Structure formats: C-alpha cells, structure tokens
Amino acid sequence: MSEMVYKIARASEWEPAEGAGIFAGSADDKRDGFIHLSSADQVRTTHDRYFSGENNLLLVAVNAERLGPALKWEVSRRGEKYPHFYGPLPLTAVHSAVAIRRGSEGRPIFPPEIP
C-alpha cells in the first residue's frame, strides 16, 4: 500500500470539493498558502490540538505518491515535520473520506491505521 497522509476536514468545507473534484482547503489552509496534512502518527495530535471541540469532521486519507512534488514535508512551529500540499488537492488522490465518530467517553474513534 502506498504511503497515506491525512487531512482532518470539516464536513461543511469538504462537501463543495465532492462536486468540484478538488479540495481548495479550509480557511486556515487558504490563510497559510498550503493544505495542512498529517502523517498517520500525527493525526491524533492534530485532532486534539485543533479540532477537539468540533463535530462533523472527516478523516481524509490521501495517497502521498499521487501528490507529486507539490507535497513538501516542512518543519512546523514545534519542530516536527508535517506534510504540506501546495495547490488544490485533487480528489483523484483521495483514498477515502470517513466521518470521525466519538466513543462513549467523547474521544475520537480513528481507523486502525491511525496509532
């Protein structure tokens, strides 16, 4: 299986992409000039840091190889390298988009590939 990178997206921001065939990014992505992504090991931290109080979220798995040179691994504020995609994200690179559900304690439930 190819390497996957992940986008946590608000359903309201993802829905227009399904009709357009591209995801232009969230308000934060547009502000920063790239689409913020995470590795599998970074998804939980990203969720807890930026999305913990939100509902109606999707976990979008993206085939990193299909993104080409516009995918760059860059150091973030805390010194860790995160994947950033420069340009609109083509839905042809998307492997899956699934709702992030919550367990009985309110914690997000992620697919098995997310440690």
PDB file of N, CA and C in Angstrom:
ATOM      1  N   MET A   1       0.842  -1.192   0.000  1.00  0.00           N
ATOM      2  CA  MET A   1       0.000   0.000   0.000  1.00  0.00           C
ATOM      3  C   MET A   1       0.881   1.248   0.000  1.00  0.00           C
ATOM      4  N   SER A   2       0.475   2.245  -0.715  1.00  0.00           N
ATOM      5  CA  SER A   2       1.217   3.496  -0.780  1.00  0.00           C
ATOM      6  C   SER A   2       1.096   4.245   0.535  1.00  0.00           C
ATOM      7  N   GLU A   3       2.060   5.138   0.743  1.00  0.00           N
ATOM      8  CA  GLU A   3       2.014   5.956   1.952  1.00  0.00           C
ATOM      9  C   GLU A   3       0.804   6.885   1.888  1.00  0.00           C
ATOM     10  N   MET A   4       0.130   6.990   3.014  1.00  0.00           N
ATOM     11  CA  MET A   4      -1.008   7.885   3.119  1.00  0.00           C
ATOM     12  C   MET A   4      -0.645   9.074   3.996  1.00  0.00           C
ATOM     13  N   VAL A   5      -1.185  10.219   3.645  1.00  0.00           N
ATOM     14  CA  VAL A   5      -1.192  11.391   4.501  1.00  0.00           C
ATOM     15  C   VAL A   5      -2.657  11.721   4.732  1.00  0.00           C
ATOM     16  N   TYR A   6      -2.931  12.492   5.768  1.00  0.00           N
ATOM     17  CA  TYR A   6      -4.317  12.667   6.197  1.00  0.00           C
ATOM     18  C   TYR A   6      -4.668  14.139   6.386  1.00  0.00           C
ATOM     19  N   LYS A   7      -5.914  14.430   6.076  1.00  0.00           N
ATOM     20  CA  LYS A   7      -6.483  15.754   6.302  1.00  0.00           C
ATOM     21  C   LYS A   7      -7.693  15.583   7.213  1.00  0.00           C
ATOM     22  N   ILE A   8      -7.720  16.307   8.308  1.00  0.00           N
ATOM     23  CA  ILE A   8      -8.938  16.390   9.100  1.00  0.00           C
ATOM     24  C   ILE A   8      -9.697  17.585   8.545  1.00  0.00           C
ATOM     25  N   ALA A   9     -10.884  17.310   8.038  1.00  0.00           N
ATOM     26  CA  ALA A   9     -11.663  18.353   7.365  1.00  0.00           C
ATOM     27  C   ALA A   9     -13.045  18.472   7.987  1.00  0.00           C
ATOM     28  N   ARG A  10     -13.501  19.695   8.077  1.00  0.00           N
ATOM     29  CA  ARG A  10     -14.892  19.924   8.480  1.00  0.00           C
ATOM     30  C   ARG A  10     -15.781  19.495   7.312  1.00  0.00           C
ATOM     31  N   ALA A  11     -16.853  18.796   7.620  1.00  0.00           N
ATOM     32  CA  ALA A  11     -17.751  18.312   6.567  1.00  0.00           C
ATOM     33  C   ALA A  11     -18.232  19.468   5.695  1.00  0.00           C
ATOM     34  N   SER A  12     -18.523  20.597   6.307  1.00  0.00           N
ATOM     35  CA  SER A  12     -19.025  21.756   5.551  1.00  0.00           C
ATOM     36  C   SER A  12     -17.989  22.297   4.576  1.00  0.00           C
ATOM     37  N   GLU A  13     -16.703  22.115   4.869  1.00  0.00           N
ATOM     38  CA  GLU A  13     -15.648  22.571   3.959  1.00  0.00           C
ATOM     39  C   GLU A  13     -15.322  21.510   2.907  1.00  0.00           C
ATOM     40  N   TRP A  14     -15.587  20.242   3.224  1.00  0.00           N
ATOM     41  CA  TRP A  14     -15.274  19.158   2.295  1.00  0.00           C
ATOM     42  C   TRP A  14     -16.357  18.978   1.235  1.00  0.00           C
ATOM     43  N   GLU A  15     -17.613  19.206   1.587  1.00  0.00           N
ATOM     44  CA  GLU A  15     -18.740  18.956   0.674  1.00  0.00           C
ATOM     45  C   GLU A  15     -18.592  19.627  -0.682  1.00  0.00           C
ATOM     46  N   PRO A  16     -18.182  20.899  -0.760  1.00  0.00           N
ATOM     47  CA  PRO A  16     -18.018  21.517  -2.086  1.00  0.00           C
ATOM     48  C   PRO A  16     -16.971  20.807  -2.950  1.00  0.00           C
ATOM     49  N   ALA A  17     -15.977  20.195  -2.326  1.00  0.00           N
ATOM     50  CA  ALA A  17     -14.930  19.501  -3.075  1.00  0.00           C
ATOM     51  C   ALA A  17     -15.478  18.297  -3.814  1.00  0.00           C
ATOM     52  N   GLU A  18     -16.457  17.641  -3.228  1.00  0.00           N
ATOM     53  CA  GLU A  18     -17.005  16.444  -3.855  1.00  0.00           C
ATOM     54  C   GLU A  18     -17.634  16.757  -5.214  1.00  0.00           C
ATOM     55  N   GLY A  19     -18.237  17.901  -5.345  1.00  0.00           N
ATOM     56  CA  GLY A  19     -18.811  18.297  -6.626  1.00  0.00           C
ATOM     57  C   GLY A  19     -17.783  18.866  -7.585  1.00  0.00           C
ATOM     58  N   ALA A  20     -16.770  19.531  -7.035  1.00  0.00           N
ATOM     59  CA  ALA A  20     -15.769  20.203  -7.863  1.00  0.00           C
ATOM     60  C   ALA A  20     -14.626  19.290  -8.297  1.00  0.00           C
ATOM     61  N   GLY A  21     -14.407  18.206  -7.547  1.00  0.00           N
ATOM     62  CA  GLY A  21     -13.296  17.314  -7.871  1.00  0.00           C
ATOM     63  C   GLY A  21     -11.965  17.745  -7.293  1.00  0.00           C
ATOM     64  N   ILE A  22     -11.964  18.865  -6.569  1.00  0.00           N
ATOM     65  CA  ILE A  22     -10.751  19.346  -5.884  1.00  0.00           C
ATOM     66  C   ILE A  22     -11.150  19.945  -4.546  1.00  0.00           C
ATOM     67  N   PHE A  23     -10.234  19.840  -3.592  1.00  0.00           N
ATOM     68  CA  PHE A  23     -10.417  20.483  -2.291  1.00  0.00           C
ATOM     69  C   PHE A  23      -9.494  21.685  -2.261  1.00  0.00           C
ATOM     70  N   ALA A  24     -10.089  22.862  -2.189  1.00  0.00           N
ATOM     71  CA  ALA A  24      -9.308  24.101  -2.220  1.00  0.00           C
ATOM     72  C   ALA A  24      -8.706  24.446  -0.865  1.00  0.00           C
ATOM     73  N   GLY A  25      -9.146  23.750   0.190  1.00  0.00           N
ATOM     74  CA  GLY A  25      -8.583  23.982   1.517  1.00  0.00           C
ATOM     75  C   GLY A  25      -9.565  24.648   2.456  1.00  0.00           C
ATOM     76  N   SER A  26      -9.237  24.546   3.731  1.00  0.00           N
ATOM     77  CA  SER A  26     -10.016  25.212   4.780  1.00  0.00           C
ATOM     78  C   SER A  26      -9.617  26.680   4.840  1.00  0.00           C
ATOM     79  N   ALA A  27     -10.264  27.430   5.685  1.00  0.00           N
ATOM     80  CA  ALA A  27      -9.892  28.836   5.871  1.00  0.00           C
ATOM     81  C   ALA A  27      -8.445  28.931   6.352  1.00  0.00           C
ATOM     82  N   ASP A  28      -8.038  28.037   7.245  1.00  0.00           N
ATOM     83  CA  ASP A  28      -6.650  28.045   7.732  1.00  0.00           C
ATOM     84  C   ASP A  28      -5.667  27.715   6.616  1.00  0.00           C
ATOM     85  N   ASP A  29      -6.025  26.739   5.773  1.00  0.00           N
ATOM     86  CA  ASP A  29      -5.160  26.380   4.646  1.00  0.00           C
ATOM     87  C   ASP A  29      -4.989  27.575   3.704  1.00  0.00           C
ATOM     88  N   LYS A  30      -6.090  28.210   3.396  1.00  0.00           N
ATOM     89  CA  LYS A  30      -6.038  29.355   2.477  1.00  0.00           C
ATOM     90  C   LYS A  30      -5.203  30.489   3.060  1.00  0.00           C
ATOM     91  N   ARG A  31      -5.338  30.710   4.359  1.00  0.00           N
ATOM     92  CA  ARG A  31      -4.556  31.749   5.033  1.00  0.00           C
ATOM     93  C   ARG A  31      -3.063  31.452   4.944  1.00  0.00           C
ATOM     94  N   ASP A  32      -2.699  30.170   5.127  1.00  0.00           N
ATOM     95  CA  ASP A  32      -1.286  29.787   5.185  1.00  0.00           C
ATOM     96  C   ASP A  32      -0.673  29.476   3.823  1.00  0.00           C
ATOM     97  N   GLY A  33      -1.500  29.330   2.783  1.00  0.00           N
ATOM     98  CA  GLY A  33      -0.992  29.121   1.439  1.00  0.00           C
ATOM     99  C   GLY A  33      -0.692  27.673   1.081  1.00  0.00           C
ATOM    100  N   PHE A  34      -1.143  26.742   1.906  1.00  0.00           N
ATOM    101  CA  PHE A  34      -0.971  25.317   1.625  1.00  0.00           C
ATOM    102  C   PHE A  34      -2.007  24.539   2.412  1.00  0.00           C
ATOM    103  N   ILE A  35      -2.225  23.289   2.004  1.00  0.00           N
ATOM    104  CA  ILE A  35      -3.174  22.430   2.709  1.00  0.00           C
ATOM    105  C   ILE A  35      -2.417  21.666   3.783  1.00  0.00           C
ATOM    106  N   HIS A  36      -2.845  21.857   5.008  1.00  0.00           N
ATOM    107  CA  HIS A  36      -2.247  21.183   6.166  1.00  0.00           C
ATOM    108  C   HIS A  36      -2.642  19.713   6.165  1.00  0.00           C
ATOM    109  N   LEU A  37      -1.647  18.840   6.218  1.00  0.00           N
ATOM    110  CA  LEU A  37      -1.874  17.404   6.277  1.00  0.00           C
ATOM    111  C   LEU A  37      -1.112  16.852   7.477  1.00  0.00           C
ATOM    112  N   SER A  38      -1.339  15.575   7.768  1.00  0.00           N
ATOM    113  CA  SER A  38      -0.647  14.898   8.866  1.00  0.00           C
ATOM    114  C   SER A  38      -0.273  13.491   8.426  1.00  0.00           C
ATOM    115  N   SER A  39       0.795  12.967   9.020  1.00  0.00           N
ATOM    116  CA  SER A  39       1.096  11.544   8.860  1.00  0.00           C
ATOM    117  C   SER A  39       0.141  10.782   9.775  1.00  0.00           C
ATOM    118  N   ALA A  40       0.104   9.463   9.627  1.00  0.00           N
ATOM    119  CA  ALA A  40      -0.756   8.652  10.498  1.00  0.00           C
ATOM    120  C   ALA A  40      -0.411   8.884  11.968  1.00  0.00           C
ATOM    121  N   ASP A  41       0.876   9.004  12.278  1.00  0.00           N
ATOM    122  CA  ASP A  41       1.315   9.207  13.658  1.00  0.00           C
ATOM    123  C   ASP A  41       0.963  10.594  14.198  1.00  0.00           C
ATOM    124  N   GLN A  42       0.636  11.532  13.334  1.00  0.00           N
ATOM    125  CA  GLN A  42       0.343  12.905  13.750  1.00  0.00           C
ATOM    126  C   GLN A  42      -1.143  13.223  13.847  1.00  0.00           C
ATOM    127  N   VAL A  43      -1.999  12.336  13.338  1.00  0.00           N
ATOM    128  CA  VAL A  43      -3.435  12.626  13.254  1.00  0.00           C
ATOM    129  C   VAL A  43      -4.036  12.930  14.625  1.00  0.00           C
ATOM    130  N   ARG A  44      -3.775  12.093  15.617  1.00  0.00           N
ATOM    131  CA  ARG A  44      -4.380  12.299  16.948  1.00  0.00           C
ATOM    132  C   ARG A  44      -3.946  13.633  17.557  1.00  0.00           C
ATOM    133  N   THR A  45      -2.670  13.959  17.423  1.00  0.00           N
ATOM    134  CA  THR A  45      -2.176  15.231  17.956  1.00  0.00           C
ATOM    135  C   THR A  45      -2.837  16.404  17.249  1.00  0.00           C
ATOM    136  N   THR A  46      -2.933  16.311  15.917  1.00  0.00           N
ATOM    137  CA  THR A  46      -3.580  17.374  15.149  1.00  0.00           C
ATOM    138  C   THR A  46      -5.033  17.537  15.595  1.00  0.00           C
ATOM    139  N   HIS A  47      -5.723  16.423  15.730  1.00  0.00           N
ATOM    140  CA  HIS A  47      -7.118  16.486  16.175  1.00  0.00           C
ATOM    141  C   HIS A  47      -7.221  17.146  17.541  1.00  0.00           C
ATOM    142  N   ASP A  48      -6.425  16.677  18.488  1.00  0.00           N
ATOM    143  CA  ASP A  48      -6.518  17.194  19.859  1.00  0.00           C
ATOM    144  C   ASP A  48      -6.136  18.663  19.945  1.00  0.00           C
ATOM    145  N   ARG A  49      -5.192  19.081  19.135  1.00  0.00           N
ATOM    146  CA  ARG A  49      -4.706  20.463  19.186  1.00  0.00           C
ATOM    147  C   ARG A  49      -5.666  21.441  18.502  1.00  0.00           C
ATOM    148  N   TYR A  50      -6.269  21.036  17.391  1.00  0.00           N
ATOM    149  CA  TYR A  50      -7.029  21.992  16.584  1.00  0.00           C
ATOM    150  C   TYR A  50      -8.517  21.685  16.416  1.00  0.00           C
ATOM    151  N   PHE A  51      -8.943  20.457  16.692  1.00  0.00           N
ATOM    152  CA  PHE A  51     -10.319  20.074  16.389  1.00  0.00           C
ATOM    153  C   PHE A  51     -11.061  19.422  17.554  1.00  0.00           C
ATOM    154  N   SER A  52     -10.487  19.394  18.742  1.00  0.00           N
ATOM    155  CA  SER A  52     -11.043  18.594  19.836  1.00  0.00           C
ATOM    156  C   SER A  52     -12.477  18.961  20.201  1.00  0.00           C
ATOM    157  N   GLY A  53     -12.866  20.190  20.074  1.00  0.00           N
ATOM    158  CA  GLY A  53     -14.211  20.603  20.450  1.00  0.00           C
ATOM    159  C   GLY A  53     -15.210  20.586  19.305  1.00  0.00           C
ATOM    160  N   GLU A  54     -14.799  20.074  18.149  1.00  0.00           N
ATOM    161  CA  GLU A  54     -15.663  20.128  16.975  1.00  0.00           C
ATOM    162  C   GLU A  54     -16.289  18.778  16.644  1.00  0.00           C
ATOM    163  N   ASN A  55     -17.430  18.834  16.016  1.00  0.00           N
ATOM    164  CA  ASN A  55     -18.116  17.657  15.488  1.00  0.00           C
ATOM    165  C   ASN A  55     -18.207  17.802  13.976  1.00  0.00           C
ATOM    166  N   ASN A  56     -18.783  16.801  13.322  1.00  0.00           N
ATOM    167  CA  ASN A  56     -18.949  16.807  11.865  1.00  0.00           C
ATOM    168  C   ASN A  56     -17.617  16.944  11.137  1.00  0.00           C
ATOM    169  N   LEU A  57     -16.660  16.110  11.579  1.00  0.00           N
ATOM    170  CA  LEU A  57     -15.337  16.092  10.972  1.00  0.00           C
ATOM    171  C   LEU A  57     -15.155  14.828  10.138  1.00  0.00           C
ATOM    172  N   LEU A  58     -14.297  14.938   9.142  1.00  0.00           N
ATOM    173  CA  LEU A  58     -13.935  13.798   8.298  1.00  0.00           C
ATOM    174  C   LEU A  58     -12.440  13.564   8.393  1.00  0.00           C
ATOM    175  N   LEU A  59     -12.052  12.310   8.296  1.00  0.00           N
ATOM    176  CA  LEU A  59     -10.648  11.966   8.141  1.00  0.00           C
ATOM    177  C   LEU A  59     -10.465  11.557   6.684  1.00  0.00           C
ATOM    178  N   VAL A  60      -9.701  12.357   5.968  1.00  0.00           N
ATOM    179  CA  VAL A  60      -9.478  12.136   4.546  1.00  0.00           C
ATOM    180  C   VAL A  60      -8.082  11.524   4.376  1.00  0.00           C
ATOM    181  N   ALA A  61      -8.041  10.314   3.831  1.00  0.00           N
ATOM    182  CA  ALA A  61      -6.769   9.634   3.554  1.00  0.00           C
ATOM    183  C   ALA A  61      -6.376   9.926   2.109  1.00  0.00           C
ATOM    184  N   VAL A  62      -5.149  10.402   1.921  1.00  0.00           N
ATOM    185  CA  VAL A  62      -4.672  10.826   0.610  1.00  0.00           C
ATOM    186  C   VAL A  62      -3.414  10.037   0.251  1.00  0.00           C
ATOM    187  N   ASN A  63      -3.362   9.516  -0.956  1.00  0.00           N
ATOM    188  CA  ASN A  63      -2.195   8.802  -1.444  1.00  0.00           C
ATOM    189  C   ASN A  63      -1.093   9.826  -1.711  1.00  0.00           C
ATOM    190  N   ALA A  64      -0.057   9.793  -0.893  1.00  0.00           N
ATOM    191  CA  ALA A  64       1.015  10.791  -0.983  1.00  0.00           C
ATOM    192  C   ALA A  64       1.724  10.764  -2.335  1.00  0.00           C
ATOM    193  N   GLU A  65       1.894   9.585  -2.923  1.00  0.00           N
ATOM    194  CA  GLU A  65       2.588   9.481  -4.210  1.00  0.00           C
ATOM    195  C   GLU A  65       1.858  10.225  -5.317  1.00  0.00           C
ATOM    196  N   ARG A  66       0.555  10.311  -5.222  1.00  0.00           N
ATOM    197  CA  ARG A  66      -0.226  10.988  -6.269  1.00  0.00           C
ATOM    198  C   ARG A  66      -0.142  12.508  -6.188  1.00  0.00           C
ATOM    199  N   LEU A  67       0.444  13.018  -5.121  1.00  0.00           N
ATOM    200  CA  LEU A  67       0.528  14.468  -4.955  1.00  0.00           C
ATOM    201  C   LEU A  67       1.769  15.067  -5.599  1.00  0.00           C
ATOM    202  N   GLY A  68       2.760  14.231  -5.887  1.00  0.00           N
ATOM    203  CA  GLY A  68       3.952  14.706  -6.573  1.00  0.00           C
ATOM    204  C   GLY A  68       4.756  15.713  -5.775  1.00  0.00           C
ATOM    205  N   PRO A  69       5.537  16.548  -6.481  1.00  0.00           N
ATOM    206  CA  PRO A  69       6.460  17.463  -5.811  1.00  0.00           C
ATOM    207  C   PRO A  69       5.780  18.611  -5.061  1.00  0.00           C
ATOM    208  N   ALA A  70       4.479  18.793  -5.246  1.00  0.00           N
ATOM    209  CA  ALA A  70       3.772  19.849  -4.510  1.00  0.00           C
ATOM    210  C   ALA A  70       3.555  19.472  -3.042  1.00  0.00           C
ATOM    211  N   LEU A  71       3.832  18.192  -2.693  1.00  0.00           N
ATOM    212  CA  LEU A  71       3.778  17.747  -1.302  1.00  0.00           C
ATOM    213  C   LEU A  71       5.157  17.935  -0.701  1.00  0.00           C
ATOM    214  N   LYS A  72       5.225  18.736   0.330  1.00  0.00           N
ATOM    215  CA  LYS A  72       6.504  19.025   0.979  1.00  0.00           C
ATOM    216  C   LYS A  72       6.391  18.733   2.474  1.00  0.00           C
ATOM    217  N   TRP A  73       7.431  18.127   3.026  1.00  0.00           N
ATOM    218  CA  TRP A  73       7.495  17.874   4.472  1.00  0.00           C
ATOM    219  C   TRP A  73       8.278  19.022   5.078  1.00  0.00           C
ATOM    220  N   GLU A  74       7.599  19.840   5.875  1.00  0.00           N
ATOM    221  CA  GLU A  74       8.209  21.055   6.403  1.00  0.00           C
ATOM    222  C   GLU A  74       8.090  21.105   7.921  1.00  0.00           C
ATOM    223  N   VAL A  75       9.057  21.749   8.535  1.00  0.00           N
ATOM    224  CA  VAL A  75       9.076  21.875   9.989  1.00  0.00           C
ATOM    225  C   VAL A  75       7.977  22.833  10.418  1.00  0.00           C
ATOM    226  N   SER A  76       7.191  22.394  11.405  1.00  0.00           N
ATOM    227  CA  SER A  76       6.117  23.235  11.939  1.00  0.00           C
ATOM    228  C   SER A  76       6.625  23.999  13.159  1.00  0.00           C
ATOM    229  N   ARG A  77       5.704  24.674  13.836  1.00  0.00           N
ATOM    230  CA  ARG A  77       6.069  25.502  14.991  1.00  0.00           C
ATOM    231  C   ARG A  77       6.797  24.723  16.085  1.00  0.00           C
ATOM    232  N   ARG A  78       6.466  23.473  16.256  1.00  0.00           N
ATOM    233  CA  ARG A  78       7.050  22.684  17.350  1.00  0.00           C
ATOM    234  C   ARG A  78       8.255  21.864  16.914  1.00  0.00           C
ATOM    235  N   GLY A  79       8.763  22.109  15.733  1.00  0.00           N
ATOM    236  CA  GLY A  79       9.970  21.453  15.271  1.00  0.00           C
ATOM    237  C   GLY A  79       9.769  20.118  14.577  1.00  0.00           C
ATOM    238  N   GLU A  80       8.542  19.634  14.489  1.00  0.00           N
ATOM    239  CA  GLU A  80       8.254  18.363  13.829  1.00  0.00           C
ATOM    240  C   GLU A  80       7.895  18.625  12.370  1.00  0.00           C
ATOM    241  N   LYS A  81       8.300  17.711  11.484  1.00  0.00           N
ATOM    242  CA  LYS A  81       7.969  17.862  10.070  1.00  0.00           C
ATOM    243  C   LYS A  81       6.561  17.353   9.801  1.00  0.00           C
ATOM    244  N   TYR A  82       5.775  18.199   9.133  1.00  0.00           N
ATOM    245  CA  TYR A  82       4.410  17.860   8.727  1.00  0.00           C
ATOM    246  C   TYR A  82       4.313  17.958   7.216  1.00  0.00           C
ATOM    247  N   PRO A  83       3.432  17.157   6.603  1.00  0.00           N
ATOM    248  CA  PRO A  83       3.228  17.269   5.157  1.00  0.00           C
ATOM    249  C   PRO A  83       2.335  18.467   4.836  1.00  0.00           C
ATOM    250  N   HIS A  84       2.782  19.254   3.889  1.00  0.00           N
ATOM    251  CA  HIS A  84       2.025  20.415   3.404  1.00  0.00           C
ATOM    252  C   HIS A  84       1.869  20.262   1.900  1.00  0.00           C
ATOM    253  N   PHE A  85       0.661  20.474   1.412  1.00  0.00           N
ATOM    254  CA  PHE A  85       0.420  20.363  -0.021  1.00  0.00           C
ATOM    255  C   PHE A  85       0.136  21.735  -0.600  1.00  0.00           C
ATOM    256  N   TYR A  86       0.925  22.112  -1.593  1.00  0.00           N
ATOM    257  CA  TYR A  86       0.808  23.419  -2.220  1.00  0.00           C
ATOM    258  C   TYR A  86      -0.024  23.313  -3.484  1.00  0.00           C
ATOM    259  N   GLY A  87      -1.263  23.723  -3.382  1.00  0.00           N
ATOM    260  CA  GLY A  87      -2.171  23.691  -4.516  1.00  0.00           C
ATOM    261  C   GLY A  87      -3.485  23.076  -4.096  1.00  0.00           C
ATOM    262  N   PRO A  88      -4.475  23.121  -4.986  1.00  0.00           N
ATOM    263  CA  PRO A  88      -5.740  22.462  -4.670  1.00  0.00           C
ATOM    264  C   PRO A  88      -5.543  20.944  -4.688  1.00  0.00           C
ATOM    265  N   LEU A  89      -6.143  20.269  -3.732  1.00  0.00           N
ATOM    266  CA  LEU A  89      -5.991  18.825  -3.582  1.00  0.00           C
ATOM    267  C   LEU A  89      -6.937  18.101  -4.542  1.00  0.00           C
ATOM    268  N   PRO A  90      -6.381  17.345  -5.510  1.00  0.00           N
ATOM    269  CA  PRO A  90      -7.251  16.635  -6.448  1.00  0.00           C
ATOM    270  C   PRO A  90      -7.895  15.427  -5.764  1.00  0.00           C
ATOM    271  N   LEU A  91      -9.177  15.269  -5.930  1.00  0.00           N
ATOM    272  CA  LEU A  91      -9.862  14.145  -5.304  1.00  0.00           C
ATOM    273  C   LEU A  91      -9.444  12.812  -5.907  1.00  0.00           C
ATOM    274  N   THR A  92      -8.789  12.822  -7.055  1.00  0.00           N
ATOM    275  CA  THR A  92      -8.255  11.584  -7.621  1.00  0.00           C
ATOM    276  C   THR A  92      -7.148  11.007  -6.735  1.00  0.00           C
ATOM    277  N   ALA A  93      -6.559  11.818  -5.859  1.00  0.00           N
ATOM    278  CA  ALA A  93      -5.522  11.346  -4.941  1.00  0.00           C
ATOM    279  C   ALA A  93      -6.107  10.840  -3.620  1.00  0.00           C
ATOM    280  N   VAL A  94      -7.405  11.031  -3.421  1.00  0.00           N
ATOM    281  CA  VAL A  94      -8.039  10.657  -2.155  1.00  0.00           C
ATOM    282  C   VAL A  94      -8.382   9.174  -2.161  1.00  0.00           C
ATOM    283  N   HIS A  95      -7.916   8.491  -1.135  1.00  0.00           N
ATOM    284  CA  HIS A  95      -8.201   7.062  -0.961  1.00  0.00           C
ATOM    285  C   HIS A  95      -9.547   6.868  -0.278  1.00  0.00           C
ATOM    286  N   SER A  96      -9.821   7.673   0.751  1.00  0.00           N
ATOM    287  CA  SER A  96     -11.095   7.568   1.475  1.00  0.00           C
ATOM    288  C   SER A  96     -11.346   8.845   2.263  1.00  0.00           C
ATOM    289  N   ALA A  97     -12.610   9.050   2.586  1.00  0.00           N
ATOM    290  CA  ALA A  97     -13.034  10.152   3.465  1.00  0.00           C
ATOM    291  C   ALA A  97     -14.122   9.575   4.367  1.00  0.00           C
ATOM    292  N   VAL A  98     -13.801   9.442   5.659  1.00  0.00           N
ATOM    293  CA  VAL A  98     -14.735   8.829   6.600  1.00  0.00           C
ATOM    294  C   VAL A  98     -15.007   9.774   7.762  1.00  0.00           C
ATOM    295  N   ALA A  99     -16.220   9.686   8.273  1.00  0.00           N
ATOM    296  CA  ALA A  99     -16.601  10.510   9.426  1.00  0.00           C
ATOM    297  C   ALA A  99     -15.793  10.094  10.649  1.00  0.00           C
ATOM    298  N   ILE A 100     -15.385  11.068  11.420  1.00  0.00           N
ATOM    299  CA  ILE A 100     -14.729  10.799  12.700  1.00  0.00           C
ATOM    300  C   ILE A 100     -15.826  10.735  13.750  1.00  0.00           C
ATOM    301  N   ARG A 101     -16.033   9.555  14.271  1.00  0.00           N
ATOM    302  CA  ARG A 101     -17.055   9.355  15.303  1.00  0.00           C
ATOM    303  C   ARG A 101     -16.404   9.450  16.673  1.00  0.00           C
ATOM    304  N   ARG A 102     -17.232   9.544  17.682  1.00  0.00           N
ATOM    305  CA  ARG A 102     -16.723   9.616  19.052  1.00  0.00           C
ATOM    306  C   ARG A 102     -17.212   8.423  19.850  1.00  0.00           C
ATOM    307  N   GLY A 103     -16.337   7.945  20.733  1.00  0.00           N
ATOM    308  CA  GLY A 103     -16.684   6.850  21.628  1.00  0.00           C
ATOM    309  C   GLY A 103     -17.486   7.343  22.815  1.00  0.00           C
ATOM    310  N   SER A 104     -17.802   6.441  23.711  1.00  0.00           N
ATOM    311  CA  SER A 104     -18.641   6.786  24.867  1.00  0.00           C
ATOM    312  C   SER A 104     -18.005   7.838  25.769  1.00  0.00           C
ATOM    313  N   GLU A 105     -16.677   7.915  25.795  1.00  0.00           N
ATOM    314  CA  GLU A 105     -16.011   8.938  26.617  1.00  0.00           C
ATOM    315  C   GLU A 105     -15.821  10.252  25.864  1.00  0.00           C
ATOM    316  N   GLY A 106     -16.289  10.305  24.621  1.00  0.00           N
ATOM    317  CA  GLY A 106     -16.151  11.513  23.822  1.00  0.00           C
ATOM    318  C   GLY A 106     -14.870  11.581  23.006  1.00  0.00           C
ATOM    319  N   ARG A 107     -14.007  10.585  23.128  1.00  0.00           N
ATOM    320  CA  ARG A 107     -12.759  10.562  22.366  1.00  0.00           C
ATOM    321  C   ARG A 107     -13.030  10.143  20.921  1.00  0.00           C
ATOM    322  N   PRO A 108     -12.266  10.693  19.963  1.00  0.00           N
ATOM    323  CA  PRO A 108     -12.479  10.308  18.567  1.00  0.00           C
ATOM    324  C   PRO A 108     -12.081   8.858  18.326  1.00  0.00           C
ATOM    325  N   ILE A 109     -12.807   8.232  17.426  1.00  0.00           N
ATOM    326  CA  ILE A 109     -12.501   6.868  17.008  1.00  0.00           C
ATOM    327  C   ILE A 109     -11.919   6.948  15.598  1.00  0.00           C
ATOM    328  N   PHE A 110     -10.678   6.518  15.473  1.00  0.00           N
ATOM    329  CA  PHE A 110      -9.996   6.547  14.180  1.00  0.00           C
ATOM    330  C   PHE A 110      -9.854   5.139  13.624  1.00  0.00           C
ATOM    331  N   PRO A 111      -9.648   5.023  12.313  1.00  0.00           N
ATOM    332  CA  PRO A 111      -9.425   3.701  11.712  1.00  0.00           C
ATOM    333  C   PRO A 111      -8.149   3.067  12.288  1.00  0.00           C
ATOM    334  N   PRO A 112      -8.002   1.751  12.120  1.00  0.00           N
ATOM    335  CA  PRO A 112      -6.857   1.039  12.706  1.00  0.00           C
ATOM    336  C   PRO A 112      -5.480   1.543  12.263  1.00  0.00           C
ATOM    337  N   GLU A 113      -5.376   2.139  11.090  1.00  0.00           N
ATOM    338  CA  GLU A 113      -4.052   2.604  10.633  1.00  0.00           C
ATOM    339  C   GLU A 113      -3.562   3.846  11.375  1.00  0.00           C
ATOM    340  N   ILE A 114      -4.426   4.438  12.178  1.00  0.00           N
ATOM    341  CA  ILE A 114      -4.041   5.609  12.984  1.00  0.00           C
ATOM    342  C   ILE A 114      -3.675   5.109  14.384  1.00  0.00           C
ATOM    343  N   PRO A 115      -2.394   5.183  14.735  1.00  0.00           N
ATOM    344  CA  PRO A 115      -1.981   4.661  16.058  1.00  0.00           C
ATOM    345  C   PRO A 115      -2.491   5.502  17.230  1.00  0.00           C
TER     346      PRO A 115
END
